[in-house]
């Protein structure tokens, strides 16, 4: 249910893709500091990044804690292999939708 919307957001960073609005998700605006850290971490990463593949979802983590989901999405390289770079998100249920607060992209 979440994969398409979260993949579209991840692709904004990793491959510069644009996407149509997803009615299921309400994405919070990423603050400038977080955006710059993410861009730097991607630029400094030794491999080029690509779109998420089905492998990403096999290794990504989603944990319910204190009224929200904490999500770590494993990003993929340009060949479709899972990297050790993750995208952190916090997701709150908000009626029939989900409010997504994007966090850092980093190597844990």
PDB file of N, CA and C in Angstrom:
ATOM      1  N   UNK A   1       0.819  -1.181   0.000  1.00  0.00           N
ATOM      2  CA  UNK A   1       0.000   0.000   0.000  1.00  0.00           C
ATOM      3  C   UNK A   1       0.872   1.257   0.000  1.00  0.00           C
ATOM      4  N   UNK A   2       1.969   1.270   0.743  1.00  0.00           N
ATOM      5  CA  UNK A   2       2.812   2.455   0.867  1.00  0.00           C
ATOM      6  C   UNK A   2       3.886   2.541  -0.201  1.00  0.00           C
ATOM      7  N   UNK A   3       4.236   1.436  -0.781  1.00  0.00           N
ATOM      8  CA  UNK A   3       5.439   1.366  -1.601  1.00  0.00           C
ATOM      9  C   UNK A   3       5.489   2.392  -2.726  1.00  0.00           C
ATOM     10  N   UNK A   4       4.415   2.528  -3.474  1.00  0.00           N
ATOM     11  CA  UNK A   4       4.422   3.430  -4.627  1.00  0.00           C
ATOM     12  C   UNK A   4       4.712   4.878  -4.212  1.00  0.00           C
ATOM     13  N   UNK A   5       4.031   5.355  -3.189  1.00  0.00           N
ATOM     14  CA  UNK A   5       4.228   6.733  -2.736  1.00  0.00           C
ATOM     15  C   UNK A   5       5.598   6.970  -2.140  1.00  0.00           C
ATOM     16  N   UNK A   6       6.074   6.018  -1.339  1.00  0.00           N
ATOM     17  CA  UNK A   6       7.395   6.170  -0.734  1.00  0.00           C
ATOM     18  C   UNK A   6       8.494   6.049  -1.781  1.00  0.00           C
ATOM     19  N   UNK A   7       8.297   5.174  -2.757  1.00  0.00           N
ATOM     20  CA  UNK A   7       9.278   5.053  -3.833  1.00  0.00           C
ATOM     21  C   UNK A   7       9.358   6.356  -4.625  1.00  0.00           C
ATOM     22  N   UNK A   8       8.219   6.954  -4.921  1.00  0.00           N
ATOM     23  CA  UNK A   8       8.209   8.214  -5.672  1.00  0.00           C
ATOM     24  C   UNK A   8       8.983   9.288  -4.918  1.00  0.00           C
ATOM     25  N   UNK A   9       8.820   9.330  -3.594  1.00  0.00           N
ATOM     26  CA  UNK A   9       9.556  10.322  -2.813  1.00  0.00           C
ATOM     27  C   UNK A   9      11.052  10.019  -2.827  1.00  0.00           C
ATOM     28  N   UNK A  10      11.420   8.762  -2.619  1.00  0.00           N
ATOM     29  CA  UNK A  10      12.841   8.387  -2.641  1.00  0.00           C
ATOM     30  C   UNK A  10      13.464   8.730  -3.989  1.00  0.00           C
ATOM     31  N   UNK A  11      12.719   8.505  -5.060  1.00  0.00           N
ATOM     32  CA  UNK A  11      13.236   8.786  -6.402  1.00  0.00           C
ATOM     33  C   UNK A  11      13.477  10.274  -6.637  1.00  0.00           C
ATOM     34  N   UNK A  12      12.787  11.133  -5.906  1.00  0.00           N
ATOM     35  CA  UNK A  12      13.059  12.564  -6.016  1.00  0.00           C
ATOM     36  C   UNK A  12      14.518  12.844  -5.674  1.00  0.00           C
ATOM     37  N   UNK A  13      15.024  12.186  -4.652  1.00  0.00           N
ATOM     38  CA  UNK A  13      16.413  12.363  -4.231  1.00  0.00           C
ATOM     39  C   UNK A  13      17.388  11.564  -5.086  1.00  0.00           C
ATOM     40  N   UNK A  14      17.078  10.310  -5.313  1.00  0.00           N
ATOM     41  CA  UNK A  14      18.086   9.416  -5.895  1.00  0.00           C
ATOM     42  C   UNK A  14      18.259   9.554  -7.389  1.00  0.00           C
ATOM     43  N   UNK A  15      17.188   9.816  -8.111  1.00  0.00           N
ATOM     44  CA  UNK A  15      17.305   9.921  -9.571  1.00  0.00           C
ATOM     45  C   UNK A  15      16.718  11.221 -10.105  1.00  0.00           C
ATOM     46  N   UNK A  16      16.312  12.117  -9.206  1.00  0.00           N
ATOM     47  CA  UNK A  16      15.782  13.400  -9.638  1.00  0.00           C
ATOM     48  C   UNK A  16      14.447  13.312 -10.349  1.00  0.00           C
ATOM     49  N   UNK A  17      13.712  12.243 -10.087  1.00  0.00           N
ATOM     50  CA  UNK A  17      12.418  12.034 -10.748  1.00  0.00           C
ATOM     51  C   UNK A  17      11.380  13.004 -10.198  1.00  0.00           C
ATOM     52  N   UNK A  18      10.373  13.233 -10.975  1.00  0.00           N
ATOM     53  CA  UNK A  18       9.212  13.980 -10.505  1.00  0.00           C
ATOM     54  C   UNK A  18       8.041  13.012 -10.479  1.00  0.00           C
ATOM     55  N   UNK A  19       7.092  13.296  -9.651  1.00  0.00           N
ATOM     56  CA  UNK A  19       5.956  12.381  -9.560  1.00  0.00           C
ATOM     57  C   UNK A  19       4.671  13.165  -9.375  1.00  0.00           C
ATOM     58  N   UNK A  20       3.589  12.511  -9.698  1.00  0.00           N
ATOM     59  CA  UNK A  20       2.279  13.105  -9.468  1.00  0.00           C
ATOM     60  C   UNK A  20       1.934  12.962  -7.994  1.00  0.00           C
ATOM     61  N   UNK A  21       1.049  13.811  -7.528  1.00  0.00           N
ATOM     62  CA  UNK A  21       0.636  13.757  -6.130  1.00  0.00           C
ATOM     63  C   UNK A  21       0.014  12.401  -5.824  1.00  0.00           C
ATOM     64  N   UNK A  22       0.292  11.908  -4.637  1.00  0.00           N
ATOM     65  CA  UNK A  22      -0.281  10.661  -4.178  1.00  0.00           C
ATOM     66  C   UNK A  22      -1.289  11.014  -3.097  1.00  0.00           C
ATOM     67  N   UNK A  23      -2.541  10.719  -3.326  1.00  0.00           N
ATOM     68  CA  UNK A  23      -3.601  11.131  -2.410  1.00  0.00           C
ATOM     69  C   UNK A  23      -3.529  10.445  -1.053  1.00  0.00           C
ATOM     70  N   UNK A  24      -2.829   9.334  -0.956  1.00  0.00           N
ATOM     71  CA  UNK A  24      -2.734   8.602   0.298  1.00  0.00           C
ATOM     72  C   UNK A  24      -1.790   9.284   1.286  1.00  0.00           C
ATOM     73  N   UNK A  25      -0.776   9.991   0.763  1.00  0.00           N
ATOM     74  CA  UNK A  25       0.263  10.569   1.608  1.00  0.00           C
ATOM     75  C   UNK A  25       0.215  12.087   1.624  1.00  0.00           C
ATOM     76  N   UNK A  26       0.485  12.638   2.790  1.00  0.00           N
ATOM     77  CA  UNK A  26       0.677  14.070   2.952  1.00  0.00           C
ATOM     78  C   UNK A  26       2.128  14.225   3.400  1.00  0.00           C
ATOM     79  N   UNK A  27       2.984  14.713   2.509  1.00  0.00           N
ATOM     80  CA  UNK A  27       4.402  14.835   2.827  1.00  0.00           C
ATOM     81  C   UNK A  27       4.690  16.191   3.453  1.00  0.00           C
ATOM     82  N   UNK A  28       5.365  16.174   4.592  1.00  0.00           N
ATOM     83  CA  UNK A  28       5.809  17.416   5.216  1.00  0.00           C
ATOM     84  C   UNK A  28       6.956  17.990   4.385  1.00  0.00           C
ATOM     85  N   UNK A  29       7.119  19.283   4.454  1.00  0.00           N
ATOM     86  CA  UNK A  29       8.216  19.933   3.741  1.00  0.00           C
ATOM     87  C   UNK A  29       9.519  19.590   4.445  1.00  0.00           C
ATOM     88  N   UNK A  30      10.521  19.223   3.658  1.00  0.00           N
ATOM     89  CA  UNK A  30      11.836  18.902   4.213  1.00  0.00           C
ATOM     90  C   UNK A  30      12.562  20.216   4.467  1.00  0.00           C
ATOM     91  N   UNK A  31      13.028  20.415   5.702  1.00  0.00           N
ATOM     92  CA  UNK A  31      13.709  21.670   6.007  1.00  0.00           C
ATOM     93  C   UNK A  31      15.043  21.754   5.257  1.00  0.00           C
ATOM     94  N   UNK A  32      15.524  22.968   5.092  1.00  0.00           N
ATOM     95  CA  UNK A  32      16.720  23.228   4.279  1.00  0.00           C
ATOM     96  C   UNK A  32      17.947  22.472   4.796  1.00  0.00           C
ATOM     97  N   UNK A  33      18.154  22.429   6.114  1.00  0.00           N
ATOM     98  CA  UNK A  33      19.317  21.724   6.670  1.00  0.00           C
ATOM     99  C   UNK A  33      19.286  20.242   6.319  1.00  0.00           C
ATOM    100  N   UNK A  34      18.132  19.616   6.499  1.00  0.00           N
ATOM    101  CA  UNK A  34      17.997  18.190   6.178  1.00  0.00           C
ATOM    102  C   UNK A  34      18.204  17.957   4.694  1.00  0.00           C
ATOM    103  N   UNK A  35      17.636  18.819   3.867  1.00  0.00           N
ATOM    104  CA  UNK A  35      17.785  18.690   2.419  1.00  0.00           C
ATOM    105  C   UNK A  35      19.263  18.775   2.007  1.00  0.00           C
ATOM    106  N   UNK A  36      19.997  19.709   2.594  1.00  0.00           N
ATOM    107  CA  UNK A  36      21.418  19.866   2.256  1.00  0.00           C
ATOM    108  C   UNK A  36      22.244  18.672   2.736  1.00  0.00           C
ATOM    109  N   UNK A  37      21.960  18.182   3.938  1.00  0.00           N
ATOM    110  CA  UNK A  37      22.665  16.998   4.449  1.00  0.00           C
ATOM    111  C   UNK A  37      22.405  15.815   3.527  1.00  0.00           C
ATOM    112  N   UNK A  38      21.154  15.631   3.120  1.00  0.00           N
ATOM    113  CA  UNK A  38      20.812  14.515   2.235  1.00  0.00           C
ATOM    114  C   UNK A  38      21.528  14.627   0.901  1.00  0.00           C
ATOM    115  N   UNK A  39      21.541  15.821   0.316  1.00  0.00           N
ATOM    116  CA  UNK A  39      22.237  16.015  -0.961  1.00  0.00           C
ATOM    117  C   UNK A  39      23.724  15.718  -0.820  1.00  0.00           C
ATOM    118  N   UNK A  40      24.326  16.168   0.273  1.00  0.00           N
ATOM    119  CA  UNK A  40      25.751  15.918   0.510  1.00  0.00           C
ATOM    120  C   UNK A  40      26.021  14.435   0.706  1.00  0.00           C
ATOM    121  N   UNK A  41      25.187  13.760   1.491  1.00  0.00           N
ATOM    122  CA  UNK A  41      25.386  12.327   1.725  1.00  0.00           C
ATOM    123  C   UNK A  41      25.253  11.523   0.435  1.00  0.00           C
ATOM    124  N   UNK A  42      24.337  11.919  -0.429  1.00  0.00           N
ATOM    125  CA  UNK A  42      24.188  11.238  -1.720  1.00  0.00           C
ATOM    126  C   UNK A  42      25.395  11.523  -2.606  1.00  0.00           C
ATOM    127  N   UNK A  43      25.826  12.788  -2.653  1.00  0.00           N
ATOM    128  CA  UNK A  43      26.978  13.155  -3.489  1.00  0.00           C
ATOM    129  C   UNK A  43      28.254  12.469  -3.018  1.00  0.00           C
ATOM    130  N   UNK A  44      28.403  12.289  -1.706  1.00  0.00           N
ATOM    131  CA  UNK A  44      29.603  11.665  -1.146  1.00  0.00           C
ATOM    132  C   UNK A  44      29.578  10.144  -1.218  1.00  0.00           C
ATOM    133  N   UNK A  45      28.419   9.571  -1.487  1.00  0.00           N
ATOM    134  CA  UNK A  45      28.312   8.117  -1.537  1.00  0.00           C
ATOM    135  C   UNK A  45      29.085   7.606  -2.751  1.00  0.00           C
ATOM    136  N   UNK A  46      29.860   6.539  -2.600  1.00  0.00           N
ATOM    137  CA  UNK A  46      30.746   6.111  -3.693  1.00  0.00           C
ATOM    138  C   UNK A  46      30.046   5.545  -4.927  1.00  0.00           C
ATOM    139  N   UNK A  47      28.822   5.086  -4.805  1.00  0.00           N
ATOM    140  CA  UNK A  47      28.101   4.512  -5.943  1.00  0.00           C
ATOM    141  C   UNK A  47      26.993   5.456  -6.389  1.00  0.00           C
ATOM    142  N   UNK A  48      26.656   5.396  -7.669  1.00  0.00           N
ATOM    143  CA  UNK A  48      25.499   6.153  -8.140  1.00  0.00           C
ATOM    144  C   UNK A  48      24.240   5.450  -7.641  1.00  0.00           C
ATOM    145  N   UNK A  49      23.203   6.222  -7.412  1.00  0.00           N
ATOM    146  CA  UNK A  49      21.957   5.655  -6.900  1.00  0.00           C
ATOM    147  C   UNK A  49      20.923   5.549  -8.007  1.00  0.00           C
ATOM    148  N   UNK A  50      19.981   4.640  -7.829  1.00  0.00           N
ATOM    149  CA  UNK A  50      18.914   4.434  -8.798  1.00  0.00           C
ATOM    150  C   UNK A  50      17.584   4.303  -8.092  1.00  0.00           C
ATOM    151  N   UNK A  51      16.572   3.970  -8.847  1.00  0.00           N
ATOM    152  CA  UNK A  51      15.230   3.776  -8.291  1.00  0.00           C
ATOM    153  C   UNK A  51      15.205   2.562  -7.364  1.00  0.00           C
ATOM    154  N   UNK A  52      14.278   2.587  -6.440  1.00  0.00           N
ATOM    155  CA  UNK A  52      14.104   1.439  -5.551  1.00  0.00           C
ATOM    156  C   UNK A  52      13.660   0.229  -6.362  1.00  0.00           C
ATOM    157  N   UNK A  53      14.099  -0.931  -5.937  1.00  0.00           N
ATOM    158  CA  UNK A  53      13.679  -2.183  -6.558  1.00  0.00           C
ATOM    159  C   UNK A  53      12.932  -3.015  -5.517  1.00  0.00           C
ATOM    160  N   UNK A  54      12.426  -4.148  -5.929  1.00  0.00           N
ATOM    161  CA  UNK A  54      11.715  -5.021  -4.985  1.00  0.00           C
ATOM    162  C   UNK A  54      12.637  -5.469  -3.857  1.00  0.00           C
ATOM    163  N   UNK A  55      13.943  -5.529  -4.112  1.00  0.00           N
ATOM    164  CA  UNK A  55      14.899  -5.903  -3.060  1.00  0.00           C
ATOM    165  C   UNK A  55      14.874  -4.908  -1.905  1.00  0.00           C
ATOM    166  N   UNK A  56      14.629  -3.640  -2.206  1.00  0.00           N
ATOM    167  CA  UNK A  56      14.580  -2.615  -1.156  1.00  0.00           C
ATOM    168  C   UNK A  56      13.555  -2.968  -0.092  1.00  0.00           C
ATOM    169  N   UNK A  57      12.416  -3.437  -0.537  1.00  0.00           N
ATOM    170  CA  UNK A  57      11.325  -3.703   0.398  1.00  0.00           C
ATOM    171  C   UNK A  57      11.571  -4.967   1.216  1.00  0.00           C
ATOM    172  N   UNK A  58      12.423  -5.850   0.737  1.00  0.00           N
ATOM    173  CA  UNK A  58      12.746  -7.066   1.491  1.00  0.00           C
ATOM    174  C   UNK A  58      13.639  -6.764   2.687  1.00  0.00           C
ATOM    175  N   UNK A  59      14.416  -5.685   2.611  1.00  0.00           N
ATOM    176  CA  UNK A  59      15.376  -5.385   3.672  1.00  0.00           C
ATOM    177  C   UNK A  59      15.050  -4.120   4.455  1.00  0.00           C
ATOM    178  N   UNK A  60      14.087  -3.335   4.000  1.00  0.00           N
ATOM    179  CA  UNK A  60      13.723  -2.105   4.699  1.00  0.00           C
ATOM    180  C   UNK A  60      12.988  -2.436   5.993  1.00  0.00           C
ATOM    181  N   UNK A  61      12.966  -1.472   6.898  1.00  0.00           N
ATOM    182  CA  UNK A  61      12.400  -1.692   8.229  1.00  0.00           C
ATOM    183  C   UNK A  61      11.260  -0.713   8.472  1.00  0.00           C
ATOM    184  N   UNK A  62      10.191  -1.214   9.082  1.00  0.00           N
ATOM    185  CA  UNK A  62       9.037  -0.395   9.443  1.00  0.00           C
ATOM    186  C   UNK A  62       8.593  -0.844  10.836  1.00  0.00           C
ATOM    187  N   UNK A  63       8.660   0.068  11.813  1.00  0.00           N
ATOM    188  CA  UNK A  63       8.354  -0.282  13.199  1.00  0.00           C
ATOM    189  C   UNK A  63       7.323   0.700  13.755  1.00  0.00           C
ATOM    190  N   UNK A  64       6.284   0.166  14.384  1.00  0.00           N
ATOM    191  CA  UNK A  64       5.282   1.001  15.051  1.00  0.00           C
ATOM    192  C   UNK A  64       5.780   1.327  16.445  1.00  0.00           C
ATOM    193  N   UNK A  65       5.840   2.628  16.781  1.00  0.00           N
ATOM    194  CA  UNK A  65       6.274   3.020  18.118  1.00  0.00           C
ATOM    195  C   UNK A  65       5.667   4.367  18.505  1.00  0.00           C
ATOM    196  N   UNK A  66       5.092   4.426  19.672  1.00  0.00           N
ATOM    197  CA  UNK A  66       4.555   5.667  20.229  1.00  0.00           C
ATOM    198  C   UNK A  66       3.637   6.431  19.282  1.00  0.00           C
ATOM    199  N   UNK A  67       2.743   5.743  18.597  1.00  0.00           N
ATOM    200  CA  UNK A  67       1.752   6.398  17.764  1.00  0.00           C
ATOM    201  C   UNK A  67       2.176   6.739  16.353  1.00  0.00           C
ATOM    202  N   UNK A  68       3.311   6.223  15.913  1.00  0.00           N
ATOM    203  CA  UNK A  68       3.748   6.479  14.538  1.00  0.00           C
ATOM    204  C   UNK A  68       4.605   5.322  14.037  1.00  0.00           C
ATOM    205  N   UNK A  69       4.815   5.307  12.725  1.00  0.00           N
ATOM    206  CA  UNK A  69       5.703   4.332  12.106  1.00  0.00           C
ATOM    207  C   UNK A  69       7.067   4.979  11.905  1.00  0.00           C
ATOM    208  N   UNK A  70       8.112   4.282  12.300  1.00  0.00           N
ATOM    209  CA  UNK A  70       9.472   4.683  11.966  1.00  0.00           C
ATOM    210  C   UNK A  70       9.910   3.782  10.826  1.00  0.00           C
ATOM    211  N   UNK A  71      10.352   4.395   9.739  1.00  0.00           N
ATOM    212  CA  UNK A  71      10.661   3.650   8.521  1.00  0.00           C
ATOM    213  C   UNK A  71      12.090   3.942   8.084  1.00  0.00           C
ATOM    214  N   UNK A  72      12.829   2.899   7.767  1.00  0.00           N
ATOM    215  CA  UNK A  72      14.151   3.010   7.136  1.00  0.00           C
ATOM    216  C   UNK A  72      14.065   2.270   5.811  1.00  0.00           C
ATOM    217  N   UNK A  73      14.168   3.011   4.720  1.00  0.00           N
ATOM    218  CA  UNK A  73      14.086   2.420   3.388  1.00  0.00           C
ATOM    219  C   UNK A  73      15.492   2.270   2.838  1.00  0.00           C
ATOM    220  N   UNK A  74      15.859   1.047   2.503  1.00  0.00           N
ATOM    221  CA  UNK A  74      17.166   0.789   1.901  1.00  0.00           C
ATOM    222  C   UNK A  74      17.160   1.278   0.460  1.00  0.00           C
ATOM    223  N   UNK A  75      18.076   2.178   0.145  1.00  0.00           N
ATOM    224  CA  UNK A  75      18.160   2.719  -1.207  1.00  0.00           C
ATOM    225  C   UNK A  75      18.959   1.784  -2.102  1.00  0.00           C
ATOM    226  N   UNK A  76      18.787   1.931  -3.412  1.00  0.00           N
ATOM    227  CA  UNK A  76      19.448   1.059  -4.392  1.00  0.00           C
ATOM    228  C   UNK A  76      20.464   1.836  -5.209  1.00  0.00           C
ATOM    229  N   UNK A  77      21.459   1.105  -5.701  1.00  0.00           N
ATOM    230  CA  UNK A  77      22.431   1.731  -6.591  1.00  0.00           C
ATOM    231  C   UNK A  77      21.895   1.720  -8.022  1.00  0.00           C
ATOM    232  N   UNK A  78      22.686   2.248  -8.934  1.00  0.00           N
ATOM    233  CA  UNK A  78      22.266   2.346 -10.321  1.00  0.00           C
ATOM    234  C   UNK A  78      22.061   1.016 -11.011  1.00  0.00           C
ATOM    235  N   UNK A  79      22.552  -0.074 -10.393  1.00  0.00           N
ATOM    236  CA  UNK A  79      22.381  -1.419 -10.951  1.00  0.00           C
ATOM    237  C   UNK A  79      21.195  -2.152 -10.331  1.00  0.00           C
ATOM    238  N   UNK A  80      20.508  -1.506  -9.370  1.00  0.00           N
ATOM    239  CA  UNK A  80      19.350  -2.118  -8.728  1.00  0.00           C
ATOM    240  C   UNK A  80      19.673  -2.903  -7.478  1.00  0.00           C
ATOM    241  N   UNK A  81      20.941  -2.881  -7.065  1.00  0.00           N
ATOM    242  CA  UNK A  81      21.331  -3.590  -5.842  1.00  0.00           C
ATOM    243  C   UNK A  81      21.097  -2.700  -4.623  1.00  0.00           C
ATOM    244  N   UNK A  82      20.704  -3.309  -3.516  1.00  0.00           N
ATOM    245  CA  UNK A  82      20.471  -2.571  -2.281  1.00  0.00           C
ATOM    246  C   UNK A  82      21.807  -2.077  -1.736  1.00  0.00           C
ATOM    247  N   UNK A  83      21.828  -0.820  -1.295  1.00  0.00           N
ATOM    248  CA  UNK A  83      23.031  -0.237  -0.702  1.00  0.00           C
ATOM    249  C   UNK A  83      22.877  -0.210   0.818  1.00  0.00           C
ATOM    250  N   UNK A  84      23.886   0.319   1.499  1.00  0.00           N
ATOM    251  CA  UNK A  84      23.779   0.503   2.945  1.00  0.00           C
ATOM    252  C   UNK A  84      23.277   1.908   3.288  1.00  0.00           C
ATOM    253  N   UNK A  85      22.912   2.676   2.285  1.00  0.00           N
ATOM    254  CA  UNK A  85      22.357   4.015   2.464  1.00  0.00           C
ATOM    255  C   UNK A  85      20.846   3.888   2.671  1.00  0.00           C
ATOM    256  N   UNK A  86      20.314   4.578   3.672  1.00  0.00           N
ATOM    257  CA  UNK A  86      18.884   4.487   3.965  1.00  0.00           C
ATOM    258  C   UNK A  86      18.233   5.867   3.958  1.00  0.00           C
ATOM    259  N   UNK A  87      16.941   5.861   3.712  1.00  0.00           N
ATOM    260  CA  UNK A  87      16.107   7.053   3.855  1.00  0.00           C
ATOM    261  C   UNK A  87      15.238   6.836   5.084  1.00  0.00           C
ATOM    262  N   UNK A  88      15.357   7.731   6.056  1.00  0.00           N
ATOM    263  CA  UNK A  88      14.581   7.648   7.291  1.00  0.00           C
ATOM    264  C   UNK A  88      13.307   8.475   7.130  1.00  0.00           C
ATOM    265  N   UNK A  89      12.182   7.928   7.586  1.00  0.00           N
ATOM    266  CA  UNK A  89      10.907   8.646   7.568  1.00  0.00           C
ATOM    267  C   UNK A  89      10.126   8.314   8.830  1.00  0.00           C
ATOM    268  N   UNK A  90       9.302   9.249   9.243  1.00  0.00           N
ATOM    269  CA  UNK A  90       8.342   9.013  10.308  1.00  0.00           C
ATOM    270  C   UNK A  90       6.962   9.193   9.686  1.00  0.00           C
ATOM    271  N   UNK A  91       6.075   8.237   9.918  1.00  0.00           N
ATOM    272  CA  UNK A  91       4.760   8.264   9.276  1.00  0.00           C
ATOM    273  C   UNK A  91       3.668   8.165  10.344  1.00  0.00           C
ATOM    274  N   UNK A  92       2.748   9.123  10.290  1.00  0.00           N
ATOM    275  CA  UNK A  92       1.614   9.171  11.206  1.00  0.00           C
ATOM    276  C   UNK A  92       0.334   8.862  10.444  1.00  0.00           C
ATOM    277  N   UNK A  93      -0.530   8.057  11.042  1.00  0.00           N
ATOM    278  CA  UNK A  93      -1.846   7.834  10.456  1.00  0.00           C
ATOM    279  C   UNK A  93      -2.670   9.088  10.713  1.00  0.00           C
ATOM    280  N   UNK A  94      -3.313   9.579   9.656  1.00  0.00           N
ATOM    281  CA  UNK A  94      -4.098  10.805   9.762  1.00  0.00           C
ATOM    282  C   UNK A  94      -5.411  10.595   9.012  1.00  0.00           C
ATOM    283  N   UNK A  95      -6.395  10.025   9.716  1.00  0.00           N
ATOM    284  CA  UNK A  95      -7.652   9.670   9.068  1.00  0.00           C
ATOM    285  C   UNK A  95      -7.409   8.581   8.043  1.00  0.00           C
ATOM    286  N   UNK A  96      -7.847   8.823   6.809  1.00  0.00           N
ATOM    287  CA  UNK A  96      -7.651   7.854   5.725  1.00  0.00           C
ATOM    288  C   UNK A  96      -6.304   8.043   5.032  1.00  0.00           C
ATOM    289  N   UNK A  97      -5.521   9.009   5.515  1.00  0.00           N
ATOM    290  CA  UNK A  97      -4.236   9.321   4.897  1.00  0.00           C
ATOM    291  C   UNK A  97      -3.092   9.074   5.868  1.00  0.00           C
ATOM    292  N   UNK A  98      -1.899   9.338   5.384  1.00  0.00           N
ATOM    293  CA  UNK A  98      -0.694   9.206   6.198  1.00  0.00           C
ATOM    294  C   UNK A  98       0.137  10.466   6.047  1.00  0.00           C
ATOM    295  N   UNK A  99       0.536  11.051   7.178  1.00  0.00           N
ATOM    296  CA  UNK A  99       1.433  12.206   7.155  1.00  0.00           C
ATOM    297  C   UNK A  99       2.859  11.676   7.244  1.00  0.00           C
ATOM    298  N   UNK A 100       3.669  12.030   6.256  1.00  0.00           N
ATOM    299  CA  UNK A 100       5.037  11.536   6.170  1.00  0.00           C
ATOM    300  C   UNK A 100       5.993  12.679   6.481  1.00  0.00           C
ATOM    301  N   UNK A 101       6.857  12.461   7.454  1.00  0.00           N
ATOM    302  CA  UNK A 101       7.895  13.435   7.777  1.00  0.00           C
ATOM    303  C   UNK A 101       9.222  12.827   7.346  1.00  0.00           C
ATOM    304  N   UNK A 102       9.730  13.281   6.199  1.00  0.00           N
ATOM    305  CA  UNK A 102      10.998  12.741   5.704  1.00  0.00           C
ATOM    306  C   UNK A 102      12.148  13.174   6.605  1.00  0.00           C
ATOM    307  N   UNK A 103      13.103  12.278   6.750  1.00  0.00           N
ATOM    308  CA  UNK A 103      14.269  12.575   7.564  1.00  0.00           C
ATOM    309  C   UNK A 103      15.537  12.488   6.746  1.00  0.00           C
ATOM    310  N   UNK A 104      16.586  12.053   7.403  1.00  0.00           N
ATOM    311  CA  UNK A 104      17.901  12.015   6.775  1.00  0.00           C
ATOM    312  C   UNK A 104      18.089  10.811   5.865  1.00  0.00           C
ATOM    313  N   UNK A 105      18.963  10.987   4.896  1.00  0.00           N
ATOM    314  CA  UNK A 105      19.497   9.895   4.091  1.00  0.00           C
ATOM    315  C   UNK A 105      20.919   9.703   4.595  1.00  0.00           C
ATOM    316  N   UNK A 106      21.235   8.487   5.058  1.00  0.00           N
ATOM    317  CA  UNK A 106      22.535   8.253   5.689  1.00  0.00           C
ATOM    318  C   UNK A 106      22.855   6.764   5.718  1.00  0.00           C
ATOM    319  N   UNK A 107      24.087   6.458   6.103  1.00  0.00           N
ATOM    320  CA  UNK A 107      24.495   5.074   6.351  1.00  0.00           C
ATOM    321  C   UNK A 107      24.438   4.869   7.857  1.00  0.00           C
ATOM    322  N   UNK A 108      23.551   3.975   8.330  1.00  0.00           N
ATOM    323  CA  UNK A 108      23.442   3.761   9.785  1.00  0.00           C
ATOM    324  C   UNK A 108      24.686   3.113  10.371  1.00  0.00           C
TER     325      UNK A 108
END
